[in-house]
């Protein structure tokens, strides 16, 4: 949280949790994710500080795709890069739907 990531990470096996530290340094678990998860995409696409921290809960295999490697992919294999970007758009859309559903449920509980 707060760093400028230069890569995204794909969780093949294992489990990670997304955690946010509040101003008083108390961690809040936002979501726990398993295989197939991609984290760190905000740094790649928006070049901004990480909004949360990713903590490994259960070790596994995690792949790293750097911003530089993604730029190389775009230059050498634009079709693969386009497929990757379409996949990321789909993934981010699913996350937005999940977040909207969560917010709606929280608002209904109050």
PDB file of N, CA and C in Angstrom:
ATOM      1  N   UNK A   1       0.844  -1.176   0.000  1.00  0.00           N
ATOM      2  CA  UNK A   1       0.000   0.000   0.000  1.00  0.00           C
ATOM      3  C   UNK A   1       0.886   1.235   0.000  1.00  0.00           C
ATOM      4  N   UNK A   2       0.612   2.142  -0.935  1.00  0.00           N
ATOM      5  CA  UNK A   2       1.362   3.385  -0.986  1.00  0.00           C
ATOM      6  C   UNK A   2       2.586   3.365  -1.874  1.00  0.00           C
ATOM      7  N   UNK A   3       3.003   2.186  -2.339  1.00  0.00           N
ATOM      8  CA  UNK A   3       4.172   2.097  -3.212  1.00  0.00           C
ATOM      9  C   UNK A   3       3.731   2.221  -4.667  1.00  0.00           C
ATOM     10  N   UNK A   4       4.691   2.448  -5.544  1.00  0.00           N
ATOM     11  CA  UNK A   4       4.419   2.498  -6.983  1.00  0.00           C
ATOM     12  C   UNK A   4       4.820   1.155  -7.591  1.00  0.00           C
ATOM     13  N   UNK A   5       3.881   0.222  -7.733  1.00  0.00           N
ATOM     14  CA  UNK A   5       4.234  -1.079  -8.298  1.00  0.00           C
ATOM     15  C   UNK A   5       4.567  -0.963  -9.781  1.00  0.00           C
ATOM     16  N   UNK A   6       5.510  -1.772 -10.222  1.00  0.00           N
ATOM     17  CA  UNK A   6       5.883  -1.767 -11.637  1.00  0.00           C
ATOM     18  C   UNK A   6       5.555  -3.102 -12.289  1.00  0.00           C
ATOM     19  N   UNK A   7       4.696  -3.883 -11.634  1.00  0.00           N
ATOM     20  CA  UNK A   7       4.348  -5.201 -12.158  1.00  0.00           C
ATOM     21  C   UNK A   7       2.984  -5.608 -11.625  1.00  0.00           C
ATOM     22  N   UNK A   8       2.386  -6.555 -12.318  1.00  0.00           N
ATOM     23  CA  UNK A   8       1.206  -7.211 -11.780  1.00  0.00           C
ATOM     24  C   UNK A   8       1.571  -8.663 -11.528  1.00  0.00           C
ATOM     25  N   UNK A   9       0.765  -9.330 -10.736  1.00  0.00           N
ATOM     26  CA  UNK A   9       1.075 -10.685 -10.303  1.00  0.00           C
ATOM     27  C   UNK A   9      -0.124 -11.587 -10.546  1.00  0.00           C
ATOM     28  N   UNK A  10       0.160 -12.782 -11.050  1.00  0.00           N
ATOM     29  CA  UNK A  10      -0.866 -13.781 -11.317  1.00  0.00           C
ATOM     30  C   UNK A  10      -0.673 -14.917 -10.320  1.00  0.00           C
ATOM     31  N   UNK A  11      -1.700 -15.196  -9.543  1.00  0.00           N
ATOM     32  CA  UNK A  11      -1.644 -16.277  -8.560  1.00  0.00           C
ATOM     33  C   UNK A  11      -2.102 -17.556  -9.250  1.00  0.00           C
ATOM     34  N   UNK A  12      -1.160 -18.474  -9.446  1.00  0.00           N
ATOM     35  CA  UNK A  12      -1.523 -19.756 -10.055  1.00  0.00           C
ATOM     36  C   UNK A  12      -2.035 -20.716  -8.983  1.00  0.00           C
ATOM     37  N   UNK A  13      -1.310 -20.796  -7.874  1.00  0.00           N
ATOM     38  CA  UNK A  13      -1.732 -21.609  -6.734  1.00  0.00           C
ATOM     39  C   UNK A  13      -1.478 -20.800  -5.470  1.00  0.00           C
ATOM     40  N   UNK A  14      -2.159 -21.160  -4.413  1.00  0.00           N
ATOM     41  CA  UNK A  14      -1.999 -20.441  -3.152  1.00  0.00           C
ATOM     42  C   UNK A  14      -3.155 -19.484  -2.934  1.00  0.00           C
ATOM     43  N   UNK A  15      -2.988 -18.627  -1.941  1.00  0.00           N
ATOM     44  CA  UNK A  15      -4.058 -17.699  -1.589  1.00  0.00           C
ATOM     45  C   UNK A  15      -3.459 -16.398  -1.073  1.00  0.00           C
ATOM     46  N   UNK A  16      -4.059 -15.286  -1.474  1.00  0.00           N
ATOM     47  CA  UNK A  16      -3.615 -13.965  -1.021  1.00  0.00           C
ATOM     48  C   UNK A  16      -4.813 -13.224  -0.438  1.00  0.00           C
ATOM     49  N   UNK A  17      -4.516 -12.260   0.412  1.00  0.00           N
ATOM     50  CA  UNK A  17      -5.566 -11.391   0.923  1.00  0.00           C
ATOM     51  C   UNK A  17      -5.213  -9.954   0.581  1.00  0.00           C
ATOM     52  N   UNK A  18      -6.219  -9.189   0.253  1.00  0.00           N
ATOM     53  CA  UNK A  18      -6.044  -7.772  -0.047  1.00  0.00           C
ATOM     54  C   UNK A  18      -6.401  -7.028   1.230  1.00  0.00           C
ATOM     55  N   UNK A  19      -5.489  -6.187   1.675  1.00  0.00           N
ATOM     56  CA  UNK A  19      -5.629  -5.548   2.972  1.00  0.00           C
ATOM     57  C   UNK A  19      -5.371  -4.051   2.863  1.00  0.00           C
ATOM     58  N   UNK A  20      -6.155  -3.288   3.572  1.00  0.00           N
ATOM     59  CA  UNK A  20      -6.036  -1.837   3.585  1.00  0.00           C
ATOM     60  C   UNK A  20      -5.673  -1.398   4.994  1.00  0.00           C
ATOM     61  N   UNK A  21      -4.662  -0.547   5.108  1.00  0.00           N
ATOM     62  CA  UNK A  21      -4.316  -0.004   6.419  1.00  0.00           C
ATOM     63  C   UNK A  21      -5.011   1.333   6.594  1.00  0.00           C
ATOM     64  N   UNK A  22      -5.695   1.484   7.713  1.00  0.00           N
ATOM     65  CA  UNK A  22      -6.380   2.734   8.008  1.00  0.00           C
ATOM     66  C   UNK A  22      -5.373   3.753   8.526  1.00  0.00           C
ATOM     67  N   UNK A  23      -5.833   4.969   8.715  1.00  0.00           N
ATOM     68  CA  UNK A  23      -4.946   6.027   9.205  1.00  0.00           C
ATOM     69  C   UNK A  23      -4.357   5.703  10.567  1.00  0.00           C
ATOM     70  N   UNK A  24      -5.082   4.940  11.376  1.00  0.00           N
ATOM     71  CA  UNK A  24      -4.559   4.558  12.691  1.00  0.00           C
ATOM     72  C   UNK A  24      -3.815   3.215  12.650  1.00  0.00           C
ATOM     73  N   UNK A  25      -3.380   2.814  11.449  1.00  0.00           N
ATOM     74  CA  UNK A  25      -2.540   1.632  11.222  1.00  0.00           C
ATOM     75  C   UNK A  25      -3.253   0.299  11.471  1.00  0.00           C
ATOM     76  N   UNK A  26      -4.572   0.301  11.516  1.00  0.00           N
ATOM     77  CA  UNK A  26      -5.301  -0.951  11.690  1.00  0.00           C
ATOM     78  C   UNK A  26      -5.589  -1.554  10.319  1.00  0.00           C
ATOM     79  N   UNK A  27      -5.168  -2.813  10.105  1.00  0.00           N
ATOM     80  CA  UNK A  27      -5.436  -3.439   8.805  1.00  0.00           C
ATOM     81  C   UNK A  27      -6.889  -3.895   8.695  1.00  0.00           C
ATOM     82  N   UNK A  28      -7.458  -3.683   7.517  1.00  0.00           N
ATOM     83  CA  UNK A  28      -8.811  -4.144   7.218  1.00  0.00           C
ATOM     84  C   UNK A  28      -8.711  -5.078   6.018  1.00  0.00           C
ATOM     85  N   UNK A  29      -9.172  -6.322   6.206  1.00  0.00           N
ATOM     86  CA  UNK A  29      -9.146  -7.284   5.103  1.00  0.00           C
ATOM     87  C   UNK A  29     -10.291  -6.950   4.159  1.00  0.00           C
ATOM     88  N   UNK A  30      -9.952  -6.720   2.903  1.00  0.00           N
ATOM     89  CA  UNK A  30     -10.959  -6.387   1.905  1.00  0.00           C
ATOM     90  C   UNK A  30     -11.484  -7.624   1.196  1.00  0.00           C
ATOM     91  N   UNK A  31     -10.552  -8.531   0.876  1.00  0.00           N
ATOM     92  CA  UNK A  31     -10.941  -9.700   0.092  1.00  0.00           C
ATOM     93  C   UNK A  31      -9.822 -10.728   0.135  1.00  0.00           C
ATOM     94  N   UNK A  32     -10.193 -11.992   0.134  1.00  0.00           N
ATOM     95  CA  UNK A  32      -9.231 -13.078   0.024  1.00  0.00           C
ATOM     96  C   UNK A  32      -9.450 -13.728  -1.332  1.00  0.00           C
ATOM     97  N   UNK A  33      -8.338 -13.990  -2.036  1.00  0.00           N
ATOM     98  CA  UNK A  33      -8.432 -14.485  -3.408  1.00  0.00           C
ATOM     99  C   UNK A  33      -7.491 -15.668  -3.600  1.00  0.00           C
ATOM    100  N   UNK A  34      -7.854 -16.545  -4.524  1.00  0.00           N
ATOM    101  CA  UNK A  34      -7.072 -17.744  -4.764  1.00  0.00           C
ATOM    102  C   UNK A  34      -6.572 -17.848  -6.191  1.00  0.00           C
ATOM    103  N   UNK A  35      -6.380 -19.079  -6.663  1.00  0.00           N
ATOM    104  CA  UNK A  35      -5.841 -19.309  -7.997  1.00  0.00           C
ATOM    105  C   UNK A  35      -6.633 -18.574  -9.080  1.00  0.00           C
ATOM    106  N   UNK A  36      -5.895 -18.019 -10.031  1.00  0.00           N
ATOM    107  CA  UNK A  36      -6.493 -17.259 -11.120  1.00  0.00           C
ATOM    108  C   UNK A  36      -6.575 -15.772 -10.841  1.00  0.00           C
ATOM    109  N   UNK A  37      -6.222 -15.380  -9.643  1.00  0.00           N
ATOM    110  CA  UNK A  37      -6.273 -13.976  -9.246  1.00  0.00           C
ATOM    111  C   UNK A  37      -5.135 -13.189  -9.883  1.00  0.00           C
ATOM    112  N   UNK A  38      -5.432 -11.971 -10.283  1.00  0.00           N
ATOM    113  CA  UNK A  38      -4.402 -11.036 -10.738  1.00  0.00           C
ATOM    114  C   UNK A  38      -4.460  -9.828  -9.824  1.00  0.00           C
ATOM    115  N   UNK A  39      -3.311  -9.434  -9.294  1.00  0.00           N
ATOM    116  CA  UNK A  39      -3.231  -8.266  -8.412  1.00  0.00           C
ATOM    117  C   UNK A  39      -2.134  -7.333  -8.908  1.00  0.00           C
ATOM    118  N   UNK A  40      -2.244  -6.070  -8.552  1.00  0.00           N
ATOM    119  CA  UNK A  40      -1.227  -5.091  -8.924  1.00  0.00           C
ATOM    120  C   UNK A  40      -1.484  -4.389 -10.238  1.00  0.00           C
ATOM    121  N   UNK A  41      -2.668  -4.589 -10.810  1.00  0.00           N
ATOM    122  CA  UNK A  41      -2.950  -4.024 -12.130  1.00  0.00           C
ATOM    123  C   UNK A  41      -3.069  -2.505 -12.117  1.00  0.00           C
ATOM    124  N   UNK A  42      -3.415  -1.911 -10.983  1.00  0.00           N
ATOM    125  CA  UNK A  42      -3.509  -0.445 -10.938  1.00  0.00           C
ATOM    126  C   UNK A  42      -2.168   0.201 -11.245  1.00  0.00           C
ATOM    127  N   UNK A  43      -1.106  -0.388 -10.745  1.00  0.00           N
ATOM    128  CA  UNK A  43       0.224   0.156 -11.008  1.00  0.00           C
ATOM    129  C   UNK A  43       0.605   0.077 -12.472  1.00  0.00           C
ATOM    130  N   UNK A  44       0.194  -0.992 -13.127  1.00  0.00           N
ATOM    131  CA  UNK A  44       0.513  -1.182 -14.545  1.00  0.00           C
ATOM    132  C   UNK A  44      -0.309  -0.242 -15.424  1.00  0.00           C
ATOM    133  N   UNK A  45      -1.608  -0.185 -15.171  1.00  0.00           N
ATOM    134  CA  UNK A  45      -2.494   0.570 -16.052  1.00  0.00           C
ATOM    135  C   UNK A  45      -2.605   2.050 -15.713  1.00  0.00           C
ATOM    136  N   UNK A  46      -2.508   2.397 -14.445  1.00  0.00           N
ATOM    137  CA  UNK A  46      -2.711   3.791 -14.053  1.00  0.00           C
ATOM    138  C   UNK A  46      -1.454   4.474 -13.545  1.00  0.00           C
ATOM    139  N   UNK A  47      -0.389   3.712 -13.347  1.00  0.00           N
ATOM    140  CA  UNK A  47       0.876   4.254 -12.842  1.00  0.00           C
ATOM    141  C   UNK A  47       0.632   5.090 -11.578  1.00  0.00           C
ATOM    142  N   UNK A  48      -0.072   4.482 -10.645  1.00  0.00           N
ATOM    143  CA  UNK A  48      -0.361   5.169  -9.390  1.00  0.00           C
ATOM    144  C   UNK A  48      -0.023   4.273  -8.209  1.00  0.00           C
ATOM    145  N   UNK A  49       0.021   4.884  -7.064  1.00  0.00           N
ATOM    146  CA  UNK A  49       0.349   4.139  -5.847  1.00  0.00           C
ATOM    147  C   UNK A  49      -0.663   3.013  -5.616  1.00  0.00           C
ATOM    148  N   UNK A  50      -0.156   1.942  -5.030  1.00  0.00           N
ATOM    149  CA  UNK A  50      -1.034   0.825  -4.693  1.00  0.00           C
ATOM    150  C   UNK A  50      -2.040   1.268  -3.640  1.00  0.00           C
ATOM    151  N   UNK A  51      -3.300   0.943  -3.856  1.00  0.00           N
ATOM    152  CA  UNK A  51      -4.359   1.347  -2.939  1.00  0.00           C
ATOM    153  C   UNK A  51      -4.432   0.442  -1.715  1.00  0.00           C
ATOM    154  N   UNK A  52      -3.880  -0.756  -1.827  1.00  0.00           N
ATOM    155  CA  UNK A  52      -3.938  -1.724  -0.739  1.00  0.00           C
ATOM    156  C   UNK A  52      -2.691  -2.597  -0.789  1.00  0.00           C
ATOM    157  N   UNK A  53      -2.531  -3.405   0.241  1.00  0.00           N
ATOM    158  CA  UNK A  53      -1.413  -4.350   0.295  1.00  0.00           C
ATOM    159  C   UNK A  53      -1.925  -5.744  -0.036  1.00  0.00           C
ATOM    160  N   UNK A  54      -1.058  -6.551  -0.613  1.00  0.00           N
ATOM    161  CA  UNK A  54      -1.379  -7.940  -0.902  1.00  0.00           C
ATOM    162  C   UNK A  54      -0.508  -8.796   0.005  1.00  0.00           C
ATOM    163  N   UNK A  55      -1.141  -9.640   0.792  1.00  0.00           N
ATOM    164  CA  UNK A  55      -0.450 -10.496   1.748  1.00  0.00           C
ATOM    165  C   UNK A  55      -0.675 -11.947   1.337  1.00  0.00           C
ATOM    166  N   UNK A  56       0.403 -12.731   1.285  1.00  0.00           N
ATOM    167  CA  UNK A  56       0.284 -14.153   0.958  1.00  0.00           C
ATOM    168  C   UNK A  56      -0.207 -14.893   2.197  1.00  0.00           C
ATOM    169  N   UNK A  57      -1.353 -15.561   2.072  1.00  0.00           N
ATOM    170  CA  UNK A  57      -1.898 -16.361   3.174  1.00  0.00           C
ATOM    171  C   UNK A  57      -1.406 -17.797   3.102  1.00  0.00           C
ATOM    172  N   UNK A  58      -1.477 -18.367   1.902  1.00  0.00           N
ATOM    173  CA  UNK A  58      -1.027 -19.734   1.669  1.00  0.00           C
ATOM    174  C   UNK A  58      -0.064 -19.700   0.492  1.00  0.00           C
ATOM    175  N   UNK A  59       1.209 -20.026   0.726  1.00  0.00           N
ATOM    176  CA  UNK A  59       2.200 -19.961  -0.351  1.00  0.00           C
ATOM    177  C   UNK A  59       1.793 -20.826  -1.547  1.00  0.00           C
ATOM    178  N   UNK A  60       2.232 -20.389  -2.686  1.00  0.00           N
ATOM    179  CA  UNK A  60       1.945 -21.102  -3.918  1.00  0.00           C
ATOM    180  C   UNK A  60       2.835 -20.580  -5.023  1.00  0.00           C
ATOM    181  N   UNK A  61       2.371 -20.696  -6.245  1.00  0.00           N
ATOM    182  CA  UNK A  61       3.113 -20.206  -7.400  1.00  0.00           C
ATOM    183  C   UNK A  61       2.489 -18.896  -7.856  1.00  0.00           C
ATOM    184  N   UNK A  62       3.321 -17.852  -7.926  1.00  0.00           N
ATOM    185  CA  UNK A  62       2.865 -16.527  -8.335  1.00  0.00           C
ATOM    186  C   UNK A  62       3.790 -16.035  -9.441  1.00  0.00           C
ATOM    187  N   UNK A  63       3.202 -15.617 -10.557  1.00  0.00           N
ATOM    188  CA  UNK A  63       3.975 -15.106 -11.688  1.00  0.00           C
ATOM    189  C   UNK A  63       3.934 -13.584 -11.695  1.00  0.00           C
ATOM    190  N   UNK A  64       5.030 -12.991 -12.137  1.00  0.00           N
ATOM    191  CA  UNK A  64       5.168 -11.533 -12.184  1.00  0.00           C
ATOM    192  C   UNK A  64       5.250 -11.089 -13.643  1.00  0.00           C
ATOM    193  N   UNK A  65       4.442 -10.088 -14.012  1.00  0.00           N
ATOM    194  CA  UNK A  65       4.514  -9.479 -15.338  1.00  0.00           C
ATOM    195  C   UNK A  65       4.823  -8.001 -15.137  1.00  0.00           C
ATOM    196  N   UNK A  66       6.029  -7.606 -15.487  1.00  0.00           N
ATOM    197  CA  UNK A  66       6.445  -6.215 -15.291  1.00  0.00           C
ATOM    198  C   UNK A  66       5.850  -5.312 -16.369  1.00  0.00           C
ATOM    199  N   UNK A  67       5.823  -4.037 -16.082  1.00  0.00           N
ATOM    200  CA  UNK A  67       5.358  -3.050 -17.065  1.00  0.00           C
ATOM    201  C   UNK A  67       6.224  -3.147 -18.322  1.00  0.00           C
ATOM    202  N   UNK A  68       7.529  -3.311 -18.135  1.00  0.00           N
ATOM    203  CA  UNK A  68       8.449  -3.423 -19.272  1.00  0.00           C
ATOM    204  C   UNK A  68       8.116  -4.658 -20.116  1.00  0.00           C
ATOM    205  N   UNK A  69       7.855  -5.792 -19.469  1.00  0.00           N
ATOM    206  CA  UNK A  69       7.522  -7.014 -20.211  1.00  0.00           C
ATOM    207  C   UNK A  69       6.209  -6.848 -20.978  1.00  0.00           C
ATOM    208  N   UNK A  70       5.246  -6.152 -20.378  1.00  0.00           N
ATOM    209  CA  UNK A  70       3.981  -5.897 -21.070  1.00  0.00           C
ATOM    210  C   UNK A  70       4.202  -4.997 -22.287  1.00  0.00           C
ATOM    211  N   UNK A  71       5.060  -3.999 -22.152  1.00  0.00           N
ATOM    212  CA  UNK A  71       5.386  -3.129 -23.288  1.00  0.00           C
ATOM    213  C   UNK A  71       6.081  -3.921 -24.393  1.00  0.00           C
ATOM    214  N   UNK A  72       6.968  -4.844 -24.005  1.00  0.00           N
ATOM    215  CA  UNK A  72       7.628  -5.699 -24.998  1.00  0.00           C
ATOM    216  C   UNK A  72       6.602  -6.580 -25.714  1.00  0.00           C
ATOM    217  N   UNK A  73       5.651  -7.122 -24.949  1.00  0.00           N
ATOM    218  CA  UNK A  73       4.607  -7.951 -25.546  1.00  0.00           C
ATOM    219  C   UNK A  73       3.817  -7.141 -26.572  1.00  0.00           C
ATOM    220  N   UNK A  74       3.493  -5.905 -26.243  1.00  0.00           N
ATOM    221  CA  UNK A  74       2.746  -5.049 -27.165  1.00  0.00           C
ATOM    222  C   UNK A  74       3.528  -4.806 -28.449  1.00  0.00           C
ATOM    223  N   UNK A  75       4.847  -4.694 -28.336  1.00  0.00           N
ATOM    224  CA  UNK A  75       5.680  -4.438 -29.510  1.00  0.00           C
ATOM    225  C   UNK A  75       5.898  -5.695 -30.349  1.00  0.00           C
ATOM    226  N   UNK A  76       6.087  -6.839 -29.698  1.00  0.00           N
ATOM    227  CA  UNK A  76       6.451  -8.053 -30.427  1.00  0.00           C
ATOM    228  C   UNK A  76       5.268  -8.946 -30.781  1.00  0.00           C
ATOM    229  N   UNK A  77       4.207  -8.891 -29.996  1.00  0.00           N
ATOM    230  CA  UNK A  77       3.039  -9.738 -30.253  1.00  0.00           C
ATOM    231  C   UNK A  77       1.767  -8.968 -29.895  1.00  0.00           C
ATOM    232  N   UNK A  78       1.394  -8.009 -30.758  1.00  0.00           N
ATOM    233  CA  UNK A  78       0.244  -7.158 -30.439  1.00  0.00           C
ATOM    234  C   UNK A  78      -1.065  -7.927 -30.269  1.00  0.00           C
ATOM    235  N   UNK A  79      -1.211  -9.060 -30.950  1.00  0.00           N
ATOM    236  CA  UNK A  79      -2.438  -9.849 -30.799  1.00  0.00           C
ATOM    237  C   UNK A  79      -2.525 -10.449 -29.400  1.00  0.00           C
ATOM    238  N   UNK A  80      -1.413 -10.966 -28.909  1.00  0.00           N
ATOM    239  CA  UNK A  80      -1.379 -11.500 -27.547  1.00  0.00           C
ATOM    240  C   UNK A  80      -1.627 -10.383 -26.537  1.00  0.00           C
ATOM    241  N   UNK A  81      -1.016  -9.228 -26.760  1.00  0.00           N
ATOM    242  CA  UNK A  81      -1.213  -8.086 -25.859  1.00  0.00           C
ATOM    243  C   UNK A  81      -2.678  -7.656 -25.862  1.00  0.00           C
ATOM    244  N   UNK A  82      -3.306  -7.625 -27.034  1.00  0.00           N
ATOM    245  CA  UNK A  82      -4.723  -7.250 -27.119  1.00  0.00           C
ATOM    246  C   UNK A  82      -5.589  -8.256 -26.364  1.00  0.00           C
ATOM    247  N   UNK A  83      -5.281  -9.538 -26.518  1.00  0.00           N
ATOM    248  CA  UNK A  83      -6.012 -10.573 -25.787  1.00  0.00           C
ATOM    249  C   UNK A  83      -5.852 -10.372 -24.284  1.00  0.00           C
ATOM    250  N   UNK A  84      -4.628 -10.078 -23.852  1.00  0.00           N
ATOM    251  CA  UNK A  84      -4.359  -9.844 -22.433  1.00  0.00           C
ATOM    252  C   UNK A  84      -5.162  -8.649 -21.924  1.00  0.00           C
ATOM    253  N   UNK A  85      -5.161  -7.548 -22.674  1.00  0.00           N
ATOM    254  CA  UNK A  85      -5.893  -6.349 -22.255  1.00  0.00           C
ATOM    255  C   UNK A  85      -7.407  -6.615 -22.207  1.00  0.00           C
ATOM    256  N   UNK A  86      -7.925  -7.391 -23.160  1.00  0.00           N
ATOM    257  CA  UNK A  86      -9.345  -7.752 -23.134  1.00  0.00           C
ATOM    258  C   UNK A  86      -9.660  -8.582 -21.896  1.00  0.00           C
ATOM    259  N   UNK A  87      -8.766  -9.515 -21.585  1.00  0.00           N
ATOM    260  CA  UNK A  87      -8.939 -10.331 -20.383  1.00  0.00           C
ATOM    261  C   UNK A  87      -8.951  -9.451 -19.141  1.00  0.00           C
ATOM    262  N   UNK A  88      -8.025  -8.492 -19.076  1.00  0.00           N
ATOM    263  CA  UNK A  88      -7.958  -7.596 -17.918  1.00  0.00           C
ATOM    264  C   UNK A  88      -9.217  -6.740 -17.824  1.00  0.00           C
ATOM    265  N   UNK A  89      -9.737  -6.267 -18.949  1.00  0.00           N
ATOM    266  CA  UNK A  89     -10.970  -5.472 -18.935  1.00  0.00           C
ATOM    267  C   UNK A  89     -12.126  -6.302 -18.383  1.00  0.00           C
ATOM    268  N   UNK A  90     -12.195  -7.555 -18.779  1.00  0.00           N
ATOM    269  CA  UNK A  90     -13.234  -8.449 -18.279  1.00  0.00           C
ATOM    270  C   UNK A  90     -13.080  -8.679 -16.777  1.00  0.00           C
ATOM    271  N   UNK A  91     -11.858  -8.937 -16.349  1.00  0.00           N
ATOM    272  CA  UNK A  91     -11.577  -9.164 -14.931  1.00  0.00           C
ATOM    273  C   UNK A  91     -11.940  -7.938 -14.096  1.00  0.00           C
ATOM    274  N   UNK A  92     -11.536  -6.763 -14.550  1.00  0.00           N
ATOM    275  CA  UNK A  92     -11.821  -5.535 -13.811  1.00  0.00           C
ATOM    276  C   UNK A  92     -13.323  -5.243 -13.789  1.00  0.00           C
ATOM    277  N   UNK A  93     -14.018  -5.579 -14.859  1.00  0.00           N
ATOM    278  CA  UNK A  93     -15.471  -5.410 -14.884  1.00  0.00           C
ATOM    279  C   UNK A  93     -16.136  -6.316 -13.853  1.00  0.00           C
ATOM    280  N   UNK A  94     -15.675  -7.555 -13.764  1.00  0.00           N
ATOM    281  CA  UNK A  94     -16.211  -8.483 -12.761  1.00  0.00           C
ATOM    282  C   UNK A  94     -15.961  -7.955 -11.350  1.00  0.00           C
ATOM    283  N   UNK A  95     -14.787  -7.407 -11.118  1.00  0.00           N
ATOM    284  CA  UNK A  95     -14.484  -6.848  -9.795  1.00  0.00           C
ATOM    285  C   UNK A  95     -15.386  -5.663  -9.486  1.00  0.00           C
ATOM    286  N   UNK A  96     -15.666  -4.848 -10.477  1.00  0.00           N
ATOM    287  CA  UNK A  96     -16.551  -3.701 -10.269  1.00  0.00           C
ATOM    288  C   UNK A  96     -17.963  -4.170  -9.920  1.00  0.00           C
ATOM    289  N   UNK A  97     -18.435  -5.196 -10.605  1.00  0.00           N
ATOM    290  CA  UNK A  97     -19.747  -5.765 -10.291  1.00  0.00           C
ATOM    291  C   UNK A  97     -19.761  -6.278  -8.856  1.00  0.00           C
ATOM    292  N   UNK A  98     -18.705  -6.998  -8.465  1.00  0.00           N
ATOM    293  CA  UNK A  98     -18.606  -7.525  -7.097  1.00  0.00           C
ATOM    294  C   UNK A  98     -18.623  -6.384  -6.084  1.00  0.00           C
ATOM    295  N   UNK A  99     -17.873  -5.332  -6.360  1.00  0.00           N
ATOM    296  CA  UNK A  99     -17.810  -4.197  -5.446  1.00  0.00           C
ATOM    297  C   UNK A  99     -19.170  -3.504  -5.346  1.00  0.00           C
ATOM    298  N   UNK A 100     -19.834  -3.309  -6.477  1.00  0.00           N
ATOM    299  CA  UNK A 100     -21.155  -2.677  -6.466  1.00  0.00           C
ATOM    300  C   UNK A 100     -22.159  -3.501  -5.666  1.00  0.00           C
ATOM    301  N   UNK A 101     -22.105  -4.815  -5.826  1.00  0.00           N
ATOM    302  CA  UNK A 101     -22.990  -5.706  -5.078  1.00  0.00           C
ATOM    303  C   UNK A 101     -22.713  -5.613  -3.584  1.00  0.00           C
ATOM    304  N   UNK A 102     -21.437  -5.559  -3.221  1.00  0.00           N
ATOM    305  CA  UNK A 102     -21.055  -5.438  -1.813  1.00  0.00           C
ATOM    306  C   UNK A 102     -21.540  -4.122  -1.223  1.00  0.00           C
ATOM    307  N   UNK A 103     -21.328  -3.034  -1.936  1.00  0.00           N
ATOM    308  CA  UNK A 103     -21.772  -1.720  -1.451  1.00  0.00           C
ATOM    309  C   UNK A 103     -23.289  -1.702  -1.302  1.00  0.00           C
ATOM    310  N   UNK A 104     -23.996  -2.256  -2.272  1.00  0.00           N
ATOM    311  CA  UNK A 104     -25.453  -2.293  -2.199  1.00  0.00           C
ATOM    312  C   UNK A 104     -25.909  -3.084  -0.974  1.00  0.00           C
ATOM    313  N   UNK A 105     -25.281  -4.230  -0.718  1.00  0.00           N
ATOM    314  CA  UNK A 105     -25.641  -5.040   0.450  1.00  0.00           C
ATOM    315  C   UNK A 105     -25.359  -4.291   1.748  1.00  0.00           C
ATOM    316  N   UNK A 106     -24.246  -3.589   1.808  1.00  0.00           N
ATOM    317  CA  UNK A 106     -23.919  -2.813   3.007  1.00  0.00           C
ATOM    318  C   UNK A 106     -24.923  -1.686   3.231  1.00  0.00           C
ATOM    319  N   UNK A 107     -25.330  -1.040   2.160  1.00  0.00           N
ATOM    320  CA  UNK A 107     -26.302   0.048   2.286  1.00  0.00           C
ATOM    321  C   UNK A 107     -27.674  -0.468   2.725  1.00  0.00           C
ATOM    322  N   UNK A 108     -28.033  -1.654   2.277  1.00  0.00           N
ATOM    323  CA  UNK A 108     -29.321  -2.234   2.661  1.00  0.00           C
ATOM    324  C   UNK A 108     -29.330  -2.674   4.117  1.00  0.00           C
ATOM    325  N   UNK A 109     -28.149  -2.995   4.665  1.00  0.00           N
ATOM    326  CA  UNK A 109     -28.051  -3.430   6.061  1.00  0.00           C
ATOM    327  C   UNK A 109     -28.127  -2.272   7.045  1.00  0.00           C
ATOM    328  N   UNK A 110     -27.948  -1.045   6.557  1.00  0.00           N
ATOM    329  CA  UNK A 110     -27.952   0.096   7.482  1.00  0.00           C
ATOM    330  C   UNK A 110     -29.311   0.726   7.611  1.00  0.00           C
TER     331      UNK A 110
END
